């Protein structure tokens, strides 16, 4: 008796997608240039070739600089921008955050703050920087942080206003009156010296009079760290409760002009943590009174 055994062999065919490596024909380049150009950087999408670029810089979608020269250099297997301390000062970081970023070889080291993200848009030549909102002192489109303010140039200034009148009747004596008034001053460093002056001259048929007076002299300077202005000399005291008066001495008063528009006057503090890029909306009685985009991480408004 013959026994036949049937054997079945199954075949499993697996198709795996594959991608061919990108290769460039270097023969199209001059022989002298082949060793100086690293073609391998072009094999990956979004890779930036080392070198200097003139770019615009935006922090959380707010542009802070235009035409900024930044050098990209290789760091291990990636290319990173070298950002100097002057540009970092424009970020508007809180003092404790700014102090945690050391300067190494003329480049600020951001390794201690990995939450700061840098993305270079090569098409628009713009460096987009994302910083947690809680790390910013404040950021507004129409306001620059005090760390970027300049004291201006030294100089002498004088403004004036002129007024003249002439009286010539048919009968009687005629007269002419000239008045000049304004402010003269000197700027040196952060200090400003000002004096208010007034000059008068009156001429008539039988009289000639001249007089001059300096009504007020004072010295002042801003204190951005305190958001205040220091005044020395002749100044005025103003109050919503007491009557105002003039005196000679010193005054330290807050100056709301140093603040962004959003912080002038009373505003509540809003804090939290955004799990993704979010839009913070504040409304009152169904009406939106404030809205701003915030990146991931802690937010503070």
Foldseek 3Di string as FASTA:
>chain_A
DDDDDDDDDDDDDDDDDDDDFDDDDCVVDDPVCPVVDDCVQVRDPQADDWDWAQAWEAEQNATQGGRDIWTWDDDVHGIDIFDALLVVLQNQFDPVVSVVFDADPRGTDCPVPVVWDWHADVVRRYIYIYDFQVGHPDDDNPATAPSNDFQDDWDKDWDKDKDKDKADDPDDKIKIKIKMWTKIWTRDGQKIKIWTKIWIWMDIPPDTDIDMDTDFIKMKGDDSVVQKIKIAAWDKDDDPVDDIDIDGGIDIGHDCVNDPPVVPDDDDKDKDFDQAFDKDFDDDPPHTDDIDIGGGTIHID
